[in-house]
Amino acid sequence: MKLLKVCLVVMLTVVMATAGMAVAGTLDDVRAKGFIQAGVNGGVFGFSMPDDKGVWKGLDVDTARAIAAAVFGDANKVKFSALTAVQRLPALQSKEIDVLCRNTTQTLTRETTNGLNFVHVNYYDGQGFLVQKKLGIKSAKELGGATVCVLPGTTTEMNAADFFRKNEMKWKPVVIEQTTELSKAFFAGRCDCLTSDVSQLAAHRSVAPKPDDYVLLPEIISKEPLCPVVRHGDDRWYDIVNFSVMALVNAEEMGITSKNVDKMLKSKDPQIQRFLGVSPGMGEALGLDEKWAYNIIKQVGNYGEIFERNVGVKTQLGLERGLNALWTEGGLMYAAPFR
């Protein structure tokens, strides 16, 4: 009996120690080094690309900056690693990066076999096809026998193979690992068609030598919920990243912007008071400062601000909100309440 008690104590100690490691994990590592290492795509205009001065800009970049604002109170405490589609998941699994903010689709196998956790969606997308207008192609079902530029190790490659097989058409993939090289190959005429998420196709077309020479075909062949990604087994870090993304959405829904957030601190609305940390509790629950959400919105803006300045109708990409509008406006952007 005494031996049994000893064994139980040892097992309990091990379990508690393991749980403690899981809770500590990434947040402690990030705080120790003083910045977040975020994996991004190095060549998608509007989502993640350095400008001519080397400053990273884009919707995914701002998502990573929001996480830094939540953790440190400073959106600039983030460094970026440009990763290819093949490199991105191993980089996260091996702890080379703390979070992946790189137009990555949530799938069953990535959540399970690859040991990853996807947080709230920061862009709803779908896969399409970009072709030269002069070819006169009106539908993706006319692409039989086409050469198609595609990134390896992506859901894009699998979706394209499924589409051509389903429609009993032959195709010849032209596989190129680097995003920037992929678009160069397409614009140089090495393939008849470029396939990717529609947002990326719009980004590629926007920086083409003659954007009007290219047309997006009408078919959307997949669902692509794009989300920031963290590793399995670190619930605290998952919660922080997840609610940092949802803070962007909730702020827009409540009408809180980077311009009026200071005024909103005086709001009598209890929901806004909790969100901005006037009424304490939300920060403590995450292990962050009570002003964590305030810092995100003050320094980065709400989701609508981020969308419009990076990819919206007044930008070079000219994208409508569509599925990425708030749920109150017919879109899919819907975040959990902060209470």
Protein backbone atom coordinates (compact mmCIF):
# COMPACT_ATOMS: atom_id res chain seq x y z
CA MET A 1 0.00 0.00 0.00
CA LYS A 2 2.84 2.36 0.93
CA LEU A 3 4.59 1.62 -2.40
CA LEU A 4 1.35 2.32 -4.25
CA LYS A 5 1.05 5.70 -2.53
CA VAL A 6 4.63 6.56 -3.47
CA CYS A 7 3.97 5.64 -7.10
CA LEU A 8 0.83 7.74 -7.18
CA VAL A 9 2.69 10.74 -5.74
CA VAL A 10 5.45 10.36 -8.34
CA MET A 11 2.92 10.05 -11.19
CA LEU A 12 1.02 13.12 -9.95
CA THR A 13 4.23 15.10 -9.72
CA VAL A 14 5.17 14.17 -13.29
CA VAL A 15 1.71 15.07 -14.60
CA MET A 16 1.78 18.43 -12.82
CA ALA A 17 5.27 19.18 -14.07
CA THR A 18 4.30 18.30 -17.63
CA ALA A 19 1.20 20.48 -17.40
CA GLY A 20 3.32 23.32 -16.11
CA MET A 21 5.67 23.00 -19.07
CA ALA A 22 2.74 23.10 -21.47
CA VAL A 23 1.35 26.24 -19.83
CA ALA A 24 4.73 28.01 -19.79
CA GLY A 25 6.21 27.16 -23.17
CA THR A 26 6.21 29.70 -25.96
CA LEU A 27 5.06 32.73 -23.98
CA ASP A 28 7.98 32.46 -21.56
CA ASP A 29 10.40 31.89 -24.45
CA VAL A 30 9.06 34.90 -26.32
CA ARG A 31 9.28 37.15 -23.27
CA ALA A 32 12.81 35.97 -22.53
CA LYS A 33 14.11 36.91 -25.98
CA GLY A 34 12.01 40.08 -26.19
CA PHE A 35 10.29 39.52 -29.52
CA ILE A 36 8.07 37.17 -31.50
CA GLN A 37 9.53 35.27 -34.46
CA ALA A 38 6.78 35.04 -37.06
CA GLY A 39 6.89 32.94 -40.21
CA VAL A 40 5.45 34.69 -43.26
CA ASN A 41 5.31 34.46 -47.04
CA GLY A 42 8.05 36.61 -48.51
CA GLY A 43 6.39 37.43 -51.80
CA VAL A 44 2.63 38.05 -51.70
CA PHE A 45 1.82 41.71 -52.14
CA GLY A 46 -0.85 42.86 -49.70
CA PHE A 47 -0.33 39.93 -47.34
CA SER A 48 3.38 39.71 -46.51
CA MET A 49 6.16 41.37 -48.44
CA PRO A 50 8.90 43.85 -47.57
CA ASP A 51 8.67 47.22 -49.31
CA ASP A 52 11.56 48.93 -51.10
CA LYS A 53 12.90 50.04 -47.70
CA GLY A 54 12.79 46.53 -46.26
CA VAL A 55 9.75 47.22 -44.07
CA TRP A 56 7.39 44.26 -43.89
CA LYS A 57 3.79 45.05 -44.81
CA GLY A 58 0.55 43.15 -45.38
CA LEU A 59 -2.49 41.62 -43.75
CA ASP A 60 -0.54 38.65 -42.36
CA VAL A 61 2.24 40.95 -41.19
CA ASP A 62 -0.26 43.11 -39.32
CA THR A 63 -1.75 39.99 -37.75
CA ALA A 64 1.69 39.13 -36.34
CA ARG A 65 2.12 42.72 -35.18
CA ALA A 66 -1.20 42.47 -33.34
CA ILE A 67 0.09 39.46 -31.41
CA ALA A 68 3.24 41.40 -30.48
CA ALA A 69 1.12 44.34 -29.29
CA ALA A 70 -0.89 41.99 -27.09
CA VAL A 71 2.17 40.33 -25.54
CA PHE A 72 4.58 43.26 -25.24
CA GLY A 73 2.42 46.35 -25.62
CA ASP A 74 4.60 47.07 -28.66
CA ALA A 75 3.57 45.96 -32.16
CA ASN A 76 7.15 46.34 -33.42
CA LYS A 77 8.53 43.58 -31.21
CA VAL A 78 8.25 40.98 -33.95
CA LYS A 79 10.77 39.63 -36.44
CA PHE A 80 9.85 37.95 -39.71
CA SER A 81 11.12 34.78 -41.36
CA ALA A 82 10.28 34.45 -45.05
CA LEU A 83 9.31 30.81 -45.60
CA THR A 84 8.34 28.79 -48.64
CA ALA A 85 5.30 26.52 -48.60
CA VAL A 86 7.60 23.52 -48.06
CA GLN A 87 9.55 25.20 -45.23
CA ARG A 88 6.67 26.71 -43.24
CA LEU A 89 5.29 23.76 -41.24
CA PRO A 90 8.68 22.21 -40.36
CA ALA A 91 9.87 25.65 -39.20
CA LEU A 92 6.98 25.84 -36.75
CA GLN A 93 7.32 22.23 -35.62
CA SER A 94 11.06 22.66 -34.95
CA LYS A 95 10.48 25.92 -33.00
CA GLU A 96 12.40 28.06 -35.48
CA ILE A 97 9.36 30.35 -35.34
CA ASP A 98 6.80 31.07 -32.62
CA VAL A 99 3.79 31.52 -34.88
CA LEU A 100 3.07 31.04 -38.57
CA CYS A 101 1.17 33.92 -40.20
CA ARG A 102 1.52 32.79 -43.78
CA ASN A 103 -1.69 32.22 -45.79
CA THR A 104 -1.93 28.64 -44.55
CA THR A 105 -5.12 26.61 -44.94
CA GLN A 106 -6.60 24.81 -41.95
CA THR A 107 -7.01 21.10 -42.74
CA LEU A 108 -7.68 17.94 -40.78
CA THR A 109 -4.26 16.38 -41.41
CA ARG A 110 -2.38 19.54 -40.49
CA GLU A 111 -4.29 19.75 -37.21
CA THR A 112 -3.68 16.09 -36.38
CA THR A 113 -0.83 14.36 -38.20
CA ASN A 114 1.33 17.48 -38.27
CA GLY A 115 0.62 18.37 -34.63
CA LEU A 116 -0.51 21.95 -35.23
CA ASN A 117 -3.29 24.19 -33.99
CA PHE A 118 -5.00 26.72 -36.26
CA VAL A 119 -6.47 29.78 -34.56
CA HIS A 120 -9.29 32.03 -35.77
CA VAL A 121 -9.39 32.62 -39.53
CA ASN A 122 -7.85 35.92 -40.64
CA TYR A 123 -8.82 35.51 -44.31
CA TYR A 124 -11.45 33.34 -45.99
CA ASP A 125 -10.35 32.37 -49.47
CA GLY A 126 -10.78 29.84 -52.26
CA GLN A 127 -8.60 28.52 -55.07
CA GLY A 128 -8.92 29.84 -58.59
CA PHE A 129 -7.09 30.15 -61.91
CA LEU A 130 -5.33 33.09 -63.60
CA VAL A 131 -4.76 33.06 -67.38
CA GLN A 132 -3.71 35.41 -70.14
CA LYS A 133 -6.69 37.27 -71.53
CA LYS A 134 -5.50 36.73 -75.11
CA LEU A 135 -6.06 32.97 -74.78
CA GLY A 136 -9.80 33.60 -74.81
CA ILE A 137 -10.47 31.03 -72.08
CA LYS A 138 -13.74 31.67 -70.22
CA SER A 139 -13.84 28.69 -67.85
CA ALA A 140 -11.40 26.47 -65.96
CA LYS A 141 -13.11 23.54 -67.67
CA GLU A 142 -11.39 24.65 -70.88
CA LEU A 143 -7.94 24.04 -69.39
CA GLY A 144 -7.57 20.44 -70.55
CA GLY A 145 -3.94 19.78 -71.52
CA ALA A 146 -2.72 23.06 -70.01
CA THR A 147 0.56 23.63 -68.23
CA VAL A 148 -0.15 24.98 -64.76
CA CYS A 149 2.26 26.84 -62.47
CA VAL A 150 1.77 25.68 -58.87
CA LEU A 151 3.59 25.68 -55.53
CA PRO A 152 4.67 22.27 -54.15
CA GLY A 153 3.65 20.95 -50.73
CA THR A 154 0.40 22.91 -50.69
CA THR A 155 -3.32 22.23 -50.64
CA THR A 156 -3.25 24.15 -53.94
CA GLU A 157 -1.34 21.38 -55.67
CA MET A 158 -3.72 18.71 -54.31
CA ASN A 159 -6.84 20.73 -55.20
CA ALA A 160 -5.63 21.27 -58.76
CA ALA A 161 -4.93 17.55 -59.20
CA ASP A 162 -8.41 16.74 -57.86
CA PHE A 163 -10.05 19.31 -60.16
CA PHE A 164 -8.42 17.98 -63.32
CA ARG A 165 -9.05 14.36 -62.36
CA LYS A 166 -12.69 15.06 -61.49
CA ASN A 167 -13.25 16.76 -64.85
CA GLU A 168 -11.31 14.05 -66.73
CA MET A 169 -8.79 16.51 -68.09
CA LYS A 170 -5.04 16.12 -68.47
CA TRP A 171 -2.69 18.77 -67.15
CA LYS A 172 1.01 19.34 -66.72
CA PRO A 173 2.06 20.91 -63.41
CA VAL A 174 5.04 23.27 -63.46
CA VAL A 175 6.20 23.08 -59.85
CA ILE A 176 8.23 26.00 -58.50
CA GLU A 177 8.96 26.37 -54.77
CA GLN A 178 9.45 30.14 -54.40
CA THR A 179 6.32 32.30 -54.65
CA THR A 180 8.10 35.15 -56.43
CA GLU A 181 9.72 32.77 -58.91
CA LEU A 182 6.36 31.12 -59.54
CA SER A 183 4.75 34.38 -60.66
CA LYS A 184 7.82 35.28 -62.76
CA ALA A 185 7.55 31.93 -64.53
CA PHE A 186 3.88 32.52 -65.32
CA PHE A 187 4.36 36.07 -66.58
CA ALA A 188 7.31 34.87 -68.68
CA GLY A 189 5.00 32.40 -70.43
CA ARG A 190 6.41 29.18 -68.97
CA CYS A 191 2.88 27.96 -68.20
CA ASP A 192 -0.62 28.57 -69.53
CA CYS A 193 -2.20 29.08 -66.15
CA LEU A 194 -1.35 30.04 -62.57
CA THR A 195 -3.41 28.46 -59.80
CA SER A 196 -3.50 29.54 -56.16
CA ASP A 197 -5.82 31.17 -53.65
CA VAL A 198 -7.75 33.96 -55.35
CA SER A 199 -6.22 36.56 -53.04
CA GLN A 200 -2.73 35.49 -54.09
CA LEU A 201 -3.69 35.49 -57.76
CA ALA A 202 -4.97 39.05 -57.37
CA ALA A 203 -1.71 39.96 -55.64
CA HIS A 204 0.38 38.42 -58.44
CA ARG A 205 -1.68 40.16 -61.11
CA SER A 206 -1.39 43.52 -59.35
CA VAL A 207 2.40 43.50 -59.76
CA ALA A 208 2.42 42.09 -63.30
CA PRO A 209 4.05 44.18 -66.06
CA LYS A 210 0.59 44.63 -67.63
CA PRO A 211 -2.11 43.58 -65.10
CA ASP A 212 -4.95 44.09 -67.59
CA ASP A 213 -3.52 41.34 -69.80
CA TYR A 214 -4.64 38.70 -67.27
CA VAL A 215 -8.04 37.47 -66.13
CA LEU A 216 -9.30 35.40 -63.21
CA LEU A 217 -11.52 32.54 -64.32
CA PRO A 218 -14.92 32.31 -62.56
CA GLU A 219 -14.51 28.91 -60.90
CA ILE A 220 -13.60 28.68 -57.21
CA ILE A 221 -12.61 25.05 -56.67
CA SER A 222 -11.97 24.88 -52.93
CA LYS A 223 -12.50 26.30 -49.46
CA GLU A 224 -9.37 27.90 -48.03
CA PRO A 225 -9.77 29.17 -44.46
CA LEU A 226 -6.41 30.86 -43.89
CA CYS A 227 -5.30 31.08 -40.27
CA PRO A 228 -2.28 31.78 -38.09
CA VAL A 229 -0.83 28.52 -36.75
CA VAL A 230 0.83 27.42 -33.50
CA ARG A 231 2.13 24.12 -32.16
CA HIS A 232 0.02 21.54 -30.33
CA GLY A 233 0.44 21.30 -26.57
CA ASP A 234 0.78 24.96 -25.58
CA ASP A 235 -2.71 26.09 -24.63
CA ARG A 236 -1.70 29.45 -23.19
CA TRP A 237 0.09 30.51 -26.38
CA TYR A 238 -2.79 29.21 -28.49
CA ASP A 239 -5.25 31.30 -26.43
CA ILE A 240 -3.15 34.44 -26.81
CA VAL A 241 -2.76 34.12 -30.58
CA ASN A 242 -6.39 33.07 -31.05
CA PHE A 243 -7.87 35.93 -29.06
CA SER A 244 -5.46 38.45 -30.56
CA VAL A 245 -6.96 37.67 -33.97
CA MET A 246 -10.49 37.72 -32.59
CA ALA A 247 -9.80 41.07 -30.91
CA LEU A 248 -9.36 42.57 -34.38
CA VAL A 249 -12.78 41.29 -35.43
CA ASN A 250 -14.59 42.18 -32.21
CA ALA A 251 -13.19 45.70 -32.25
CA GLU A 252 -14.59 46.30 -35.73
CA GLU A 253 -17.96 44.93 -34.66
CA MET A 254 -18.05 47.28 -31.67
CA GLY A 255 -16.99 50.25 -33.76
CA ILE A 256 -13.60 50.62 -32.05
CA THR A 257 -10.85 51.89 -34.33
CA SER A 258 -7.26 53.06 -33.95
CA LYS A 259 -8.56 56.63 -34.20
CA ASN A 260 -11.32 56.48 -31.58
CA VAL A 261 -9.97 53.86 -29.16
CA ASP A 262 -8.88 56.46 -26.60
CA LYS A 263 -12.33 58.00 -26.62
CA MET A 264 -13.85 54.54 -26.26
CA LEU A 265 -12.05 54.11 -22.93
CA LYS A 266 -14.76 56.37 -21.53
CA SER A 267 -17.61 54.27 -22.90
CA LYS A 268 -20.30 53.14 -20.46
CA ASP A 269 -20.87 49.95 -22.44
CA PRO A 270 -19.75 47.07 -20.14
CA GLN A 271 -18.75 45.00 -23.18
CA ILE A 272 -16.39 47.72 -24.38
CA GLN A 273 -15.09 48.28 -20.86
CA ARG A 274 -14.15 44.58 -20.57
CA PHE A 275 -12.62 44.55 -24.04
CA LEU A 276 -10.40 47.58 -23.48
CA GLY A 277 -9.39 46.56 -19.95
CA VAL A 278 -11.23 49.35 -18.16
CA SER A 279 -12.98 46.55 -16.29
CA PRO A 280 -10.18 44.10 -15.42
CA GLY A 281 -10.22 40.37 -15.96
CA MET A 282 -9.64 39.58 -19.64
CA GLY A 283 -5.93 40.33 -19.48
CA GLU A 284 -5.43 38.31 -16.33
CA ALA A 285 -7.23 35.36 -17.91
CA LEU A 286 -4.68 35.35 -20.75
CA GLY A 287 -1.67 36.13 -18.59
CA LEU A 288 -1.32 39.53 -20.26
CA ASP A 289 -1.63 43.18 -19.32
CA GLU A 290 -5.25 44.34 -19.02
CA LYS A 291 -4.63 46.80 -21.89
CA TRP A 292 -3.63 44.03 -24.32
CA ALA A 293 -6.62 44.52 -26.65
CA TYR A 294 -6.36 48.31 -26.38
CA ASN A 295 -2.72 48.05 -27.46
CA ILE A 296 -3.66 45.95 -30.49
CA ILE A 297 -6.28 48.38 -31.75
CA LYS A 298 -4.31 51.54 -30.90
CA GLN A 299 -1.18 50.35 -32.69
CA VAL A 300 -2.48 48.10 -35.47
CA GLY A 301 -6.19 48.88 -35.91
CA ASN A 302 -9.25 46.65 -36.14
CA TYR A 303 -9.77 43.97 -38.78
CA GLY A 304 -11.54 46.32 -41.18
CA GLU A 305 -8.69 48.83 -40.98
CA ILE A 306 -6.10 46.13 -41.61
CA PHE A 307 -8.08 44.70 -44.53
CA GLU A 308 -8.70 48.01 -46.25
CA ARG A 309 -5.16 49.38 -45.99
CA ASN A 310 -3.54 46.17 -47.26
CA VAL A 311 -5.88 44.50 -49.75
CA GLY A 312 -9.10 46.56 -49.90
CA VAL A 313 -10.83 48.25 -52.81
CA LYS A 314 -8.65 51.37 -52.62
CA THR A 315 -5.40 49.40 -52.75
CA GLN A 316 -3.54 47.99 -55.71
CA LEU A 317 -5.27 44.62 -55.14
CA GLY A 318 -8.76 46.13 -55.05
CA LEU A 319 -10.42 43.26 -53.15
CA GLU A 320 -13.98 43.48 -51.87
CA ARG A 321 -14.65 42.31 -48.32
CA GLY A 322 -16.90 39.46 -49.53
CA LEU A 323 -16.65 36.48 -47.19
CA ASN A 324 -14.34 38.54 -45.00
CA ALA A 325 -17.03 41.05 -44.09
CA LEU A 326 -18.46 40.96 -40.59
CA TRP A 327 -21.25 38.46 -39.98
CA THR A 328 -23.57 41.43 -39.42
CA GLU A 329 -22.85 42.52 -43.00
CA GLY A 330 -23.28 39.16 -44.73
CA GLY A 331 -19.73 37.85 -44.27
CA LEU A 332 -18.16 35.09 -42.20
CA MET A 333 -16.12 37.16 -39.75
CA TYR A 334 -17.59 36.19 -36.38
CA ALA A 335 -15.55 36.09 -33.19
CA ALA A 336 -16.23 34.73 -29.70
CA PRO A 337 -17.41 37.27 -27.11
CA PHE A 338 -14.96 38.62 -24.56
CA ARG A 339 -16.56 37.87 -21.22
